[in-house]
Amino acid sequence: MKDKTIAILENRAGEQLADLVRKYGGTPFSAPALAEVPDIDPVLIAQLVSDWRTDLPDIFIFQTGVGVKALFATTDALGITEQLLQVLASAMVVVRGPKPTAVLRSRNVRIDLSASEPYTTAEVLAEIDVSSITGKRVVVQRYGDTNLELQHALEERGAKVMEVATYRWSLPENIKPMLDLMDALDADAIDVVCFTSASQVYNLFSVAKQLNRAETLQTAMNRSLVASIGPVCTAALEKYGIRVDIEPHPPKLGPFINAINIKLS
């Protein structure tokens, strides 16, 4: 990675990723393509917890660590965390990956089913499919956008799905770094473009389309190396005709940077 320029579209963990790039001798090019906006209604959460105590859901599915933190921060502020914990103790708890697992365990929540790597919807469904969920009430913690694939799959299996919003994804307020990235790609000044979320892909191309630059962006990206954190992100890139050169196993930041470094060696 020495003397190579690595574009980073991550926001929340962007500086951590940049530090890893520097550690390997690379130069990070920061172009955040995603912003997390709080989207949790305390009044609604209070009502939901009250309803759940009298009409217990059968299954809870937690998809992200930041979403679980937001949920507990809200119940802490409302003074109803103990009530939520009692509800969770009486239901089946399913987690999508290590981040929600860590947050739930910090609250001493029992975890019944854990998706295996690479922690996609397919692995969540594989765990759930051990038994029938026909007629079951399933609460899904939303992350960023509605996981339509998961929602439709649960409904097809006969479940009654309720989604709980905790945050949503949007474009950053300042999109200039994304425009600077497009310019740098056009000038062949970027060696690797790093995507850590499918939504980064959608946002980048959304901005490019508005500026009539989607086709040139696709061409320029395919002249550089493209790194994807995992299969969901890779699928999003492939929708736009982008060749993915690097995908780590497991889909975590450390292996991600290591895979990029090996590719550039």
Foldseek 3Di string as FASTA:
>chain_A
DAAAEEEEQDDPCRVVLQVLCVVLRYHYQYQHFKDKAFDADLVVLVVVLVVCLVVAAAEEEEEALVQVVLSCVSCVVVVCNVSVLVSQQRHAYEYQDDNNVVNCVVVVRDHDYYFDPPRDLVSSVVRVVVDQCAAGEYEYEDDQDRPVVNVVVCVVSRYHYDYGYGIHMDGDPDRVSLVVVLVCLLVVRHAEYEDEDLSSLVSSLVVCVVVVNLVVSQVSQQVHAYFYLDDVNVVSCVVSVHDHDYYFPRSDSVRRSVRVSVVVD
